[in-house]
Amino acid sequence: MRKPLLILLSCTLFISACSKKATTNPTTVVTVITPPAPAGTVTTVAGTGLPGAVNAKGILASFSDPTSLTVDANDYVTVADVANNLIRQVDPYGDVTTLAGSGLDSLANGIGTAASFAYPNGVAVDSKGNIYVSDTGNNLIRMINGGSTVTTFAGGGTGLATNGTGTAASFSSPVGLTVDASGNIYVADANNNLIREITPLGVVTTLAGSGKAAYADGTGTAASFNFPNGVAVDANGNVYVADLINRVIRKITQAGVVTTFAGAGAVNFKAPAGVAVDAIGNVYVADQGTNLISKITPAGVITTLAGSGAPGFTNALGTAASFNFPTAVAVDPSGNVFVADRGNQAIRKISSGK
């Protein structure tokens, strides 16, 4: 009888030890994953709705005229915060920080807040994580590397339309920017009414545009734009342009052939300012004149993705939501559309439902 008793005692001690261990280390971690909102749902990612320059989380942060934005492969949203002369960043958790800029309307290269911009209007990110900035007031294209070091990538600051390499080139109020898969940068050179191209080595050429403020389809310099604003590039290298004053979306092939992609027919834009393209070729437009975000299929079918058309600041589904002077759009790898809602001093998000 002693042997079974020993076995019983051993089992009791083992159970007791396990119980004590569970008691002293109650470390059961439960991760709650919030399901995505239904497709077309508009939410506010960051911004109080009032102008400011506060770094904080989500709707506790503030911007002053957020005009352009881009999303990288890690879901970081970079924002050109124009009136603050800052480049801000929103991480995937909604925390807003200042990536670069002193806040002064000035020109200085340096690291982070030691650098200065003058009304930066455009941002784009390449596959290496370098961020390019249209430093509109300084007539320059600046670059921020992964270490937050700001340098001048192209432009001499003269406000002309000179082709050349690096600082030997010139721009006049460059605004929208985009980068293709090969690292080529496309710039909406607004006051010159040109679309410029910059190679990864800094060689600047004119992709399209006569330089006249006009409306003409054609090839290269035979085409004309009138204050081109936003630009985007698709997987095939086609460049889309929000031709703001002409109220249309233009398309430029790799051969430089310019056509009118949308806006000249039954569906009209009023002041298309921002444009973006997703992985399957859908084009998104921020129309600051109608307060709408539109979607254009590769076949050219235009629908309203979100917005009631009336200026407002409402989070809701599709056309029940409202924006106030939206100036830019960007698409993340999951197909969510981010909006620089300039009039509301906020960054908004339209869910893809994924």
Protein backbone atom coordinates (compact mmCIF):
# COMPACT_ATOMS: atom_id res chain seq x y z
CA MET A 1 0.00 0.00 0.00
CA ARG A 2 2.94 2.33 0.46
CA LYS A 3 3.81 2.40 -3.24
CA PRO A 4 0.43 3.74 -4.42
CA LEU A 5 0.54 6.27 -1.59
CA LEU A 6 3.90 7.54 -2.82
CA ILE A 7 2.53 7.84 -6.35
CA LEU A 8 -0.49 9.76 -5.04
CA LEU A 9 1.72 12.12 -3.03
CA SER A 10 3.95 12.75 -6.06
CA CYS A 11 0.97 13.61 -8.23
CA THR A 12 -0.38 15.93 -5.53
CA LEU A 13 2.93 17.76 -5.23
CA PHE A 14 3.18 18.12 -9.03
CA ILE A 15 -0.33 19.54 -9.26
CA SER A 16 0.40 21.89 -6.38
CA ALA A 17 3.59 23.12 -8.03
CA CYS A 18 1.76 23.74 -11.28
CA SER A 19 -0.97 25.61 -9.44
CA LYS A 20 1.57 27.86 -7.70
CA LYS A 21 3.29 28.55 -10.98
CA ALA A 22 0.00 29.54 -12.58
CA THR A 23 -0.83 31.74 -9.59
CA THR A 24 2.48 33.59 -9.54
CA ASN A 25 2.59 34.08 -13.34
CA PRO A 26 -0.91 34.84 -14.56
CA THR A 27 0.47 36.05 -17.89
CA THR A 28 -2.24 35.23 -20.38
CA VAL A 29 -2.00 37.87 -23.11
CA VAL A 30 -5.07 38.43 -25.23
CA THR A 31 -4.57 40.43 -28.41
CA VAL A 32 -7.73 42.05 -29.69
CA ILE A 33 -7.63 42.70 -33.42
CA THR A 34 -10.14 45.29 -34.54
CA PRO A 35 -11.84 44.16 -37.74
CA PRO A 36 -11.62 46.59 -40.67
CA ALA A 37 -14.48 48.99 -41.20
CA PRO A 38 -16.84 48.27 -44.10
CA ALA A 39 -15.56 49.42 -47.49
CA GLY A 40 -16.17 53.12 -48.04
CA THR A 41 -16.23 54.03 -44.34
CA VAL A 42 -14.60 57.41 -43.65
CA THR A 43 -12.76 57.96 -40.36
CA THR A 44 -10.40 60.58 -38.99
CA VAL A 45 -6.84 59.29 -38.59
CA ALA A 46 -5.37 62.45 -37.10
CA GLY A 47 -6.22 66.10 -36.56
CA THR A 48 -8.33 68.11 -34.14
CA GLY A 49 -10.13 70.06 -36.85
CA LEU A 50 -8.38 73.27 -35.76
CA PRO A 51 -5.04 74.62 -37.00
CA GLY A 52 -1.99 73.91 -34.86
CA ALA A 53 1.32 72.06 -34.74
CA VAL A 54 0.81 69.62 -31.87
CA ASN A 55 2.40 66.17 -31.96
CA ALA A 56 0.10 63.66 -30.26
CA LYS A 57 -2.02 60.62 -30.98
CA GLY A 58 -4.85 60.70 -33.49
CA ILE A 59 -7.39 63.47 -33.05
CA LEU A 60 -5.28 65.10 -30.32
CA ALA A 61 -2.66 66.08 -32.90
CA SER A 62 -3.01 69.20 -35.04
CA PHE A 63 -1.96 70.41 -38.49
CA SER A 64 -2.13 73.69 -40.37
CA ASP A 65 -3.13 73.24 -44.01
CA PRO A 66 -2.09 69.61 -44.58
CA THR A 67 -1.92 69.65 -48.36
CA SER A 68 -0.23 66.48 -49.58
CA LEU A 69 0.47 62.99 -48.26
CA THR A 70 2.05 59.68 -49.18
CA VAL A 71 1.96 56.18 -47.66
CA ASP A 72 4.95 53.83 -47.55
CA ALA A 73 5.09 50.02 -47.53
CA ASN A 74 5.04 50.00 -43.71
CA ASP A 75 1.83 52.08 -43.52
CA TYR A 76 3.52 55.28 -42.34
CA VAL A 77 1.71 58.35 -43.68
CA THR A 78 3.95 61.33 -44.44
CA VAL A 79 2.23 64.73 -44.63
CA ALA A 80 3.28 68.06 -46.12
CA ASP A 81 2.03 70.42 -43.40
CA VAL A 82 2.21 73.57 -45.48
CA ALA A 83 1.38 76.47 -43.20
CA ASN A 84 3.58 75.00 -40.44
CA ASN A 85 6.49 74.55 -42.88
CA LEU A 86 6.87 71.00 -41.54
CA ILE A 87 6.96 67.44 -42.79
CA ARG A 88 4.92 65.37 -40.36
CA GLN A 89 4.49 61.61 -40.07
CA VAL A 90 1.62 59.46 -38.79
CA ASP A 91 2.58 55.93 -37.72
CA PRO A 92 0.25 52.91 -38.11
CA TYR A 93 -1.06 53.52 -34.57
CA GLY A 94 -2.01 57.14 -35.24
CA ASP A 95 0.91 58.79 -33.41
CA VAL A 96 1.90 62.06 -35.11
CA THR A 97 5.50 63.29 -35.02
CA THR A 98 7.58 65.91 -36.85
CA LEU A 99 9.91 64.22 -39.30
CA ALA A 100 11.68 67.36 -40.50
CA GLY A 101 11.43 71.13 -40.43
CA SER A 102 12.12 73.94 -37.99
CA GLY A 103 8.76 75.55 -38.63
CA LEU A 104 10.44 78.63 -40.08
CA ASP A 105 9.70 79.82 -43.61
CA SER A 106 13.31 79.43 -44.66
CA LEU A 107 15.88 77.26 -46.44
CA ALA A 108 18.31 75.07 -44.53
CA ASN A 109 19.63 71.57 -44.98
CA GLY A 110 20.20 69.53 -41.84
CA ILE A 111 18.89 66.72 -39.68
CA GLY A 112 15.24 66.70 -38.62
CA THR A 113 14.14 69.97 -37.06
CA ALA A 114 17.45 71.65 -37.95
CA ALA A 115 16.28 71.75 -41.58
CA SER A 116 13.85 74.34 -42.96
CA PHE A 117 11.28 74.48 -45.76
CA ALA A 118 9.13 77.21 -47.30
CA TYR A 119 5.55 76.05 -47.83
CA PRO A 120 6.24 72.42 -48.78
CA ASN A 121 3.38 71.27 -51.00
CA GLY A 122 4.20 67.76 -52.15
CA VAL A 123 5.64 64.53 -50.73
CA ALA A 124 6.49 61.14 -52.25
CA VAL A 125 8.41 58.09 -51.03
CA ASP A 126 10.60 55.69 -52.99
CA SER A 127 11.14 51.95 -52.46
CA LYS A 128 14.21 52.64 -50.28
CA GLY A 129 12.25 54.84 -47.89
CA ASN A 130 13.68 58.16 -49.11
CA ILE A 131 11.10 60.93 -48.97
CA TYR A 132 11.04 63.67 -51.60
CA VAL A 133 9.50 67.08 -50.90
CA SER A 134 8.32 69.79 -53.26
CA ASP A 135 9.67 72.80 -51.41
CA THR A 136 7.35 75.16 -53.25
CA GLY A 137 8.41 78.47 -51.74
CA ASN A 138 12.08 77.71 -52.35
CA ASN A 139 11.47 76.31 -55.88
CA LEU A 140 13.37 73.14 -54.95
CA ILE A 141 12.99 69.40 -54.67
CA ARG A 142 14.40 68.25 -51.32
CA MET A 143 15.15 64.74 -50.06
CA ILE A 144 14.84 63.27 -46.56
CA ASN A 145 16.76 60.02 -46.10
CA GLY A 146 16.09 57.30 -43.53
CA GLY A 147 18.12 59.16 -40.94
CA SER A 148 15.96 62.31 -41.31
CA THR A 149 18.79 64.18 -43.06
CA VAL A 150 17.43 66.83 -45.43
CA THR A 151 19.36 67.77 -48.57
CA THR A 152 18.57 69.59 -51.81
CA PHE A 153 18.03 66.98 -54.52
CA ALA A 154 17.26 69.19 -57.52
CA GLY A 155 16.73 72.83 -58.35
CA GLY A 156 18.72 76.03 -58.06
CA GLY A 157 15.88 78.05 -56.54
CA THR A 158 15.71 80.51 -59.45
CA GLY A 159 12.07 79.97 -60.40
CA LEU A 160 12.85 79.19 -64.05
CA ALA A 161 12.30 76.08 -66.19
CA THR A 162 15.83 74.88 -66.82
CA ASN A 163 16.69 71.25 -67.48
CA GLY A 164 19.94 69.99 -66.02
CA THR A 165 21.43 67.91 -63.24
CA GLY A 166 20.80 68.62 -59.56
CA THR A 167 21.07 72.28 -58.64
CA ALA A 168 21.74 73.23 -62.29
CA ALA A 169 18.04 72.61 -63.01
CA SER A 170 15.23 74.94 -62.01
CA PHE A 171 11.52 74.85 -61.17
CA SER A 172 8.82 77.42 -60.51
CA SER A 173 6.47 76.52 -57.65
CA PRO A 174 6.74 72.72 -57.87
CA VAL A 175 3.81 71.03 -56.15
CA GLY A 176 2.76 67.40 -56.69
CA LEU A 177 5.33 64.58 -56.66
CA THR A 178 5.31 60.86 -57.37
CA VAL A 179 8.00 58.16 -57.72
CA ASP A 180 7.92 55.13 -60.02
CA ALA A 181 9.27 51.64 -59.35
CA SER A 182 12.65 52.54 -60.87
CA GLY A 183 13.09 55.60 -58.65
CA ASN A 184 12.27 58.22 -61.27
CA ILE A 185 10.50 61.24 -59.80
CA TYR A 186 7.73 63.12 -61.59
CA VAL A 187 7.01 66.72 -60.62
CA ALA A 188 4.04 68.96 -61.33
CA ASP A 189 5.94 72.19 -62.02
CA ALA A 190 2.86 74.32 -61.53
CA ASN A 191 3.88 77.85 -62.51
CA ASN A 192 5.80 76.53 -65.51
CA ASN A 193 2.77 74.41 -66.56
CA LEU A 194 5.11 71.46 -67.08
CA ILE A 195 5.51 67.88 -65.94
CA ARG A 196 9.17 67.29 -65.18
CA GLU A 197 11.05 64.02 -64.68
CA ILE A 198 14.06 63.51 -62.42
CA THR A 199 16.19 60.36 -62.65
CA PRO A 200 17.63 58.75 -59.50
CA LEU A 201 20.91 60.52 -60.39
CA GLY A 202 19.19 63.91 -60.35
CA VAL A 203 18.98 64.55 -64.11
CA VAL A 204 15.96 66.80 -64.77
CA THR A 205 14.11 66.81 -68.11
CA THR A 206 10.68 67.94 -69.31
CA LEU A 207 8.34 64.98 -69.80
CA ALA A 208 5.40 66.97 -71.18
CA GLY A 209 4.07 70.47 -71.53
CA SER A 210 4.57 73.48 -73.78
CA GLY A 211 4.95 75.86 -70.86
CA LYS A 212 1.82 77.75 -71.89
CA ALA A 213 -1.20 77.89 -69.60
CA ALA A 214 -3.50 76.13 -72.06
CA TYR A 215 -5.33 72.89 -72.79
CA ALA A 216 -4.00 70.66 -75.54
CA ASP A 217 -3.43 66.93 -75.88
CA GLY A 218 -0.36 65.88 -77.79
CA THR A 219 3.10 64.39 -77.42
CA GLY A 220 5.71 65.90 -75.11
CA THR A 221 6.05 69.65 -75.48
CA ALA A 222 3.14 69.75 -77.97
CA ALA A 223 0.74 69.18 -75.06
CA SER A 224 -0.35 71.90 -72.64
CA PHE A 225 -1.51 72.08 -69.01
CA ASN A 226 -2.92 74.84 -66.84
CA PHE A 227 -1.54 74.72 -63.30
CA PRO A 228 -0.93 70.97 -62.98
CA ASN A 229 -1.19 70.03 -59.33
CA GLY A 230 -1.25 66.37 -58.22
CA VAL A 231 0.61 63.58 -60.03
CA ALA A 232 0.61 59.79 -59.69
CA VAL A 233 2.19 56.90 -61.58
CA ASP A 234 0.80 53.42 -62.23
CA ALA A 235 2.57 50.05 -62.44
CA ASN A 236 3.07 50.47 -66.20
CA GLY A 237 4.75 53.85 -65.87
CA ASN A 238 1.79 55.96 -67.01
CA VAL A 239 1.66 59.31 -65.23
CA TYR A 240 -1.69 60.83 -64.21
CA VAL A 241 -2.03 64.56 -63.67
CA ALA A 242 -4.66 66.58 -61.83
CA ASP A 243 -4.80 69.47 -64.32
CA LEU A 244 -6.44 71.82 -61.86
CA ILE A 245 -7.53 74.86 -63.84
CA ASN A 246 -8.47 72.78 -66.88
CA ARG A 247 -10.64 70.69 -64.51
CA VAL A 248 -9.55 67.36 -65.98
CA ILE A 249 -7.34 64.35 -65.29
CA ARG A 250 -4.66 63.87 -67.91
CA LYS A 251 -2.64 60.74 -68.70
CA ILE A 252 0.94 60.65 -69.99
CA THR A 253 2.35 57.43 -71.43
CA GLN A 254 6.01 56.48 -71.18
CA ALA A 255 6.39 57.78 -74.73
CA GLY A 256 5.16 61.21 -73.57
CA VAL A 257 1.75 61.02 -75.25
CA VAL A 258 -0.71 63.20 -73.32
CA THR A 259 -4.45 62.49 -73.44
CA THR A 260 -7.46 63.50 -71.36
CA PHE A 261 -8.29 60.57 -69.12
CA ALA A 262 -11.37 61.90 -67.30
CA GLY A 263 -13.39 65.00 -66.66
CA ALA A 264 -14.24 66.27 -70.11
CA GLY A 265 -17.49 64.31 -70.49
CA ALA A 266 -20.70 63.99 -68.53
CA VAL A 267 -18.87 63.82 -65.18
CA ASN A 268 -17.06 67.08 -64.53
CA PHE A 269 -14.54 68.04 -61.90
CA LYS A 270 -14.44 71.53 -60.47
CA ALA A 271 -10.90 71.82 -59.06
CA PRO A 272 -9.16 68.43 -59.07
CA ALA A 273 -6.09 68.86 -56.89
CA GLY A 274 -4.86 65.40 -55.91
CA VAL A 275 -4.58 62.07 -57.70
CA ALA A 276 -3.45 58.55 -56.72
CA VAL A 277 -3.38 55.11 -58.35
CA ASP A 278 -3.86 51.72 -56.67
CA ALA A 279 -2.19 48.41 -57.51
CA ILE A 280 -4.81 47.41 -60.09
CA GLY A 281 -4.96 50.73 -61.89
CA ASN A 282 -7.92 52.50 -60.28
CA VAL A 283 -7.37 56.25 -60.12
CA TYR A 284 -8.56 58.32 -57.13
CA VAL A 285 -9.16 62.06 -57.30
CA ALA A 286 -9.47 64.66 -54.54
CA ASP A 287 -11.62 67.47 -55.94
CA GLN A 288 -11.28 70.46 -53.66
CA GLY A 289 -13.97 72.29 -55.61
CA THR A 290 -16.70 69.71 -55.02
CA ASN A 291 -15.46 68.26 -51.70
CA LEU A 292 -15.64 64.78 -53.21
CA ILE A 293 -13.27 61.82 -53.53
CA SER A 294 -13.84 60.09 -56.85
CA LYS A 295 -12.77 56.72 -58.20
CA ILE A 296 -12.01 56.11 -61.87
CA THR A 297 -11.65 52.55 -63.13
CA PRO A 298 -8.99 51.69 -65.74
CA ALA A 299 -11.85 51.77 -68.27
CA GLY A 300 -12.62 55.37 -67.32
CA VAL A 301 -15.83 54.80 -65.33
CA ILE A 302 -16.16 57.54 -62.69
CA THR A 303 -18.02 57.12 -59.40
CA THR A 304 -18.07 59.00 -56.08
CA LEU A 305 -16.11 57.02 -53.51
CA ALA A 306 -16.90 59.30 -50.56
CA GLY A 307 -18.25 62.71 -49.76
CA SER A 308 -21.64 64.39 -49.77
CA GLY A 309 -20.45 67.34 -51.86
CA ALA A 310 -21.24 69.83 -49.12
CA PRO A 311 -18.32 71.10 -47.01
CA GLY A 312 -18.33 69.42 -43.60
CA PHE A 313 -16.46 67.18 -41.19
CA THR A 314 -18.52 64.02 -40.87
CA ASN A 315 -17.28 60.46 -40.48
CA ALA A 316 -19.71 58.03 -42.11
CA LEU A 317 -20.11 55.60 -44.99
CA GLY A 318 -19.57 56.81 -48.56
CA THR A 319 -21.65 59.81 -49.57
CA ALA A 320 -22.92 60.28 -46.01
CA ALA A 321 -19.42 61.45 -45.04
CA SER A 322 -18.15 64.97 -45.73
CA PHE A 323 -14.87 66.74 -46.42
CA ASN A 324 -13.78 70.35 -46.59
CA PHE A 325 -11.38 71.30 -49.41
CA PRO A 326 -9.64 67.92 -49.82
CA THR A 327 -6.37 68.45 -51.69
CA ALA A 328 -4.61 65.07 -51.93
CA VAL A 329 -5.13 61.32 -51.83
CA ALA A 330 -2.80 58.34 -51.32
CA VAL A 331 -3.42 54.59 -51.36
CA ASP A 332 -1.82 52.09 -48.97
CA PRO A 333 -0.88 48.46 -49.83
CA SER A 334 -4.30 47.26 -48.59
CA GLY A 335 -6.21 49.67 -50.83
CA ASN A 336 -7.24 52.11 -48.10
CA VAL A 337 -7.41 55.69 -49.38
CA PHE A 338 -5.96 58.47 -47.22
CA VAL A 339 -7.11 62.05 -47.74
CA ALA A 340 -5.43 65.35 -46.90
CA ASP A 341 -8.58 67.15 -45.77
CA ARG A 342 -7.05 70.60 -45.80
CA GLY A 343 -10.04 72.67 -44.76
CA ASN A 344 -10.66 70.40 -41.77
CA GLN A 345 -6.97 70.35 -40.78
CA ALA A 346 -7.16 66.57 -40.69
CA ILE A 347 -5.99 63.31 -42.23
CA ARG A 348 -8.94 61.12 -43.15
CA LYS A 349 -9.13 57.48 -44.23
CA ILE A 350 -11.56 55.68 -46.54
CA SER A 351 -11.56 51.98 -45.73
CA SER A 352 -11.11 49.35 -48.42
CA GLY A 353 -12.82 46.84 -46.13
CA LYS A 354 -9.71 44.64 -46.13
